[in-house]
């Protein structure tokens, strides 16, 4: 008779507990924009600035100029890599630690190659947090998170800001 060895999966111990899943994600996505996209967006920005000047809404013109400036800066900036860790005490995203007690629920949107994201709804007045899944197995992630959090099964789509970011390539 041969004895069967049972292999136990060892988890790395971190400062916030055992680390069960770990991956890297980009701080923000850099969509592929064509020259046509820039042409259309600059046209819209000029139209809005002219409209705001004629309507004497100078604050709106300033906001449009600032948005154009921010988009130009983001175009040439390389996103940092953030480490995401799922531990037995909470979630670590970059240098931000979120305890499970602070999270109301989570949900997964997994429709590759378009969307592979994990969302957290916090108990505070903070907006929902979205995390890119990269090549993480969503079934294993869901199984691990269900031990600590409730899953919001009613949410089947990305948040509005994530949808706008995808559609408008911001």
Protein backbone atom coordinates (compact mmCIF):
# COMPACT_ATOMS: atom_id res chain seq x y z
CA UNK A 1 0.00 0.00 0.00
CA UNK A 2 1.24 3.35 -0.87
CA UNK A 3 0.72 6.20 1.47
CA UNK A 4 -0.78 9.23 -0.12
CA UNK A 5 0.76 12.51 0.88
CA UNK A 6 -1.57 15.40 1.29
CA UNK A 7 -0.07 18.62 0.16
CA UNK A 8 -1.15 21.62 2.16
CA UNK A 9 -0.98 24.96 0.46
CA UNK A 10 1.21 27.32 2.43
CA UNK A 11 0.28 30.96 2.51
CA UNK A 12 2.69 33.79 3.02
CA UNK A 13 2.33 35.58 6.35
CA UNK A 14 2.24 39.37 5.98
CA UNK A 15 1.81 42.22 8.47
CA UNK A 16 -1.98 42.09 7.96
CA UNK A 17 -2.40 38.32 8.16
CA UNK A 18 -2.03 35.42 5.75
CA UNK A 19 -1.88 36.46 2.10
CA UNK A 20 -4.14 34.16 0.09
CA UNK A 21 -4.16 35.85 -3.31
CA UNK A 22 -1.77 38.41 -4.73
CA UNK A 23 -1.41 40.15 -8.09
CA UNK A 24 -0.30 43.40 -9.68
CA UNK A 25 -2.54 45.89 -11.43
CA UNK A 26 -1.98 49.22 -13.14
CA UNK A 27 -2.91 52.35 -11.21
CA UNK A 28 -5.03 53.44 -14.17
CA UNK A 29 -5.69 52.13 -17.66
CA UNK A 30 -4.18 53.74 -20.72
CA UNK A 31 -6.64 53.26 -23.57
CA UNK A 32 -5.50 53.28 -27.17
CA UNK A 33 -6.65 56.62 -28.57
CA UNK A 34 -6.57 57.48 -32.24
CA UNK A 35 -5.92 60.90 -33.75
CA UNK A 36 -9.64 61.04 -34.51
CA UNK A 37 -10.43 60.75 -30.77
CA UNK A 38 -8.15 63.71 -29.99
CA UNK A 39 -9.67 65.72 -32.84
CA UNK A 40 -13.24 65.12 -31.61
CA UNK A 41 -12.40 65.81 -27.93
CA UNK A 42 -10.55 69.03 -28.75
CA UNK A 43 -13.51 70.13 -30.87
CA UNK A 44 -15.92 69.43 -28.02
CA UNK A 45 -13.66 71.25 -25.53
CA UNK A 46 -13.40 74.33 -27.79
CA UNK A 47 -17.17 74.36 -28.31
CA UNK A 48 -17.79 74.14 -24.54
CA UNK A 49 -15.26 76.88 -23.78
CA UNK A 50 -16.83 79.22 -26.38
CA UNK A 51 -20.31 78.42 -25.05
CA UNK A 52 -19.23 79.11 -21.46
CA UNK A 53 -17.67 82.45 -22.42
CA UNK A 54 -20.81 83.58 -24.27
CA UNK A 55 -22.98 82.51 -21.34
CA UNK A 56 -20.61 84.28 -18.91
CA UNK A 57 -19.91 81.03 -17.09
CA UNK A 58 -16.16 81.47 -16.68
CA UNK A 59 -15.85 78.85 -13.98
CA UNK A 60 -17.14 76.21 -16.42
CA UNK A 61 -14.55 77.34 -18.99
CA UNK A 62 -11.83 77.00 -16.35
CA UNK A 63 -13.05 73.50 -15.48
CA UNK A 64 -12.98 72.43 -19.15
CA UNK A 65 -9.42 73.76 -19.54
CA UNK A 66 -8.36 71.88 -16.40
CA UNK A 67 -9.93 68.62 -17.66
CA UNK A 68 -8.11 68.95 -21.00
CA UNK A 69 -4.85 69.61 -19.14
CA UNK A 70 -5.36 66.56 -16.88
CA UNK A 71 -6.11 64.29 -19.85
CA UNK A 72 -2.95 65.49 -21.59
CA UNK A 73 -0.86 64.84 -18.50
CA UNK A 74 -2.35 61.34 -18.08
CA UNK A 75 -1.61 60.60 -21.74
CA UNK A 76 2.14 60.92 -21.20
CA UNK A 77 2.29 59.52 -17.66
CA UNK A 78 3.08 55.85 -17.11
CA UNK A 79 0.82 54.15 -14.55
CA UNK A 80 2.41 52.72 -11.42
CA UNK A 81 1.99 49.04 -10.63
CA UNK A 82 -0.05 48.44 -7.49
CA UNK A 83 0.12 45.18 -5.58
CA UNK A 84 -3.28 43.78 -4.60
CA UNK A 85 -3.39 41.30 -1.74
CA UNK A 86 -6.32 39.39 -0.30
CA UNK A 87 -5.54 38.51 3.31
CA UNK A 88 -7.52 36.94 6.12
CA UNK A 89 -7.99 40.37 7.75
CA UNK A 90 -8.67 42.62 4.76
CA UNK A 91 -7.67 43.78 1.30
CA UNK A 92 -4.47 45.66 0.48
CA UNK A 93 -4.38 47.78 -2.69
CA UNK A 94 -1.03 49.49 -3.11
CA UNK A 95 -0.39 51.11 0.25
CA UNK A 96 -4.08 51.25 1.23
CA UNK A 97 -5.31 48.66 3.73
CA UNK A 98 -9.07 48.07 3.93
CA UNK A 99 -10.36 45.84 6.73
CA UNK A 100 -13.27 43.55 5.93
CA UNK A 101 -15.32 45.38 8.59
CA UNK A 102 -15.10 48.52 6.40
CA UNK A 103 -16.45 46.74 3.31
CA UNK A 104 -20.18 46.39 2.80
CA UNK A 105 -20.11 43.92 -0.11
CA UNK A 106 -18.19 42.88 -3.22
CA UNK A 107 -19.13 41.89 -6.74
CA UNK A 108 -17.30 40.58 -9.77
CA UNK A 109 -17.78 41.59 -13.40
CA UNK A 110 -16.00 39.02 -15.54
CA UNK A 111 -16.56 39.31 -19.27
CA UNK A 112 -13.14 38.87 -20.88
CA UNK A 113 -11.55 40.50 -22.78
CA UNK A 114 -13.76 43.58 -22.20
CA UNK A 115 -14.09 43.60 -18.41
CA UNK A 116 -12.33 41.67 -15.65
CA UNK A 117 -12.94 43.63 -12.44
CA UNK A 118 -13.60 43.23 -8.76
CA UNK A 119 -15.65 45.91 -6.99
CA UNK A 120 -15.92 46.76 -3.30
CA UNK A 121 -18.74 48.77 -1.79
CA UNK A 122 -17.54 50.47 1.39
CA UNK A 123 -19.62 51.24 4.48
CA UNK A 124 -18.37 54.83 4.51
CA UNK A 125 -19.22 57.64 2.12
CA UNK A 126 -16.34 56.68 -0.15
CA UNK A 127 -17.04 55.70 -3.76
CA UNK A 128 -16.94 52.06 -4.83
CA UNK A 129 -13.44 50.69 -5.40
CA UNK A 130 -12.69 48.83 -8.62
CA UNK A 131 -9.75 46.46 -8.98
CA UNK A 132 -8.51 44.97 -12.26
CA UNK A 133 -8.25 41.20 -12.02
CA UNK A 134 -5.51 40.68 -14.60
CA UNK A 135 -5.05 36.88 -14.80
CA UNK A 136 -6.53 35.98 -11.41
CA UNK A 137 -8.98 33.08 -11.31
CA UNK A 138 -12.33 34.75 -10.46
CA UNK A 139 -13.77 31.53 -9.01
CA UNK A 140 -10.95 31.17 -6.46
CA UNK A 141 -11.15 34.88 -5.63
CA UNK A 142 -14.92 34.73 -5.13
CA UNK A 143 -14.61 31.62 -2.97
CA UNK A 144 -12.02 33.32 -0.75
CA UNK A 145 -13.94 36.60 -0.40
CA UNK A 146 -17.22 34.81 0.44
CA UNK A 147 -15.59 33.63 3.67
CA UNK A 148 -15.40 37.24 4.87
CA UNK A 149 -17.84 39.35 2.83
CA UNK A 150 -21.30 39.31 1.31
CA UNK A 151 -21.56 39.25 -2.48
CA UNK A 152 -23.92 41.72 -4.12
CA UNK A 153 -25.52 39.51 -6.78
CA UNK A 154 -27.84 42.28 -8.02
CA UNK A 155 -24.99 44.30 -9.50
CA UNK A 156 -24.19 42.90 -12.92
CA UNK A 157 -22.49 45.91 -14.50
CA UNK A 158 -19.55 48.19 -13.92
CA UNK A 159 -20.04 51.40 -11.99
CA UNK A 160 -21.03 54.48 -14.03
CA UNK A 161 -17.58 56.06 -13.77
CA UNK A 162 -15.90 52.85 -14.97
CA UNK A 163 -18.34 52.60 -17.88
CA UNK A 164 -17.69 56.23 -18.89
CA UNK A 165 -13.96 55.66 -18.62
CA UNK A 166 -14.24 52.66 -20.97
CA UNK A 167 -16.63 54.28 -23.47
CA UNK A 168 -14.96 57.70 -23.65
CA UNK A 169 -11.41 56.28 -23.34
CA UNK A 170 -10.54 58.60 -20.47
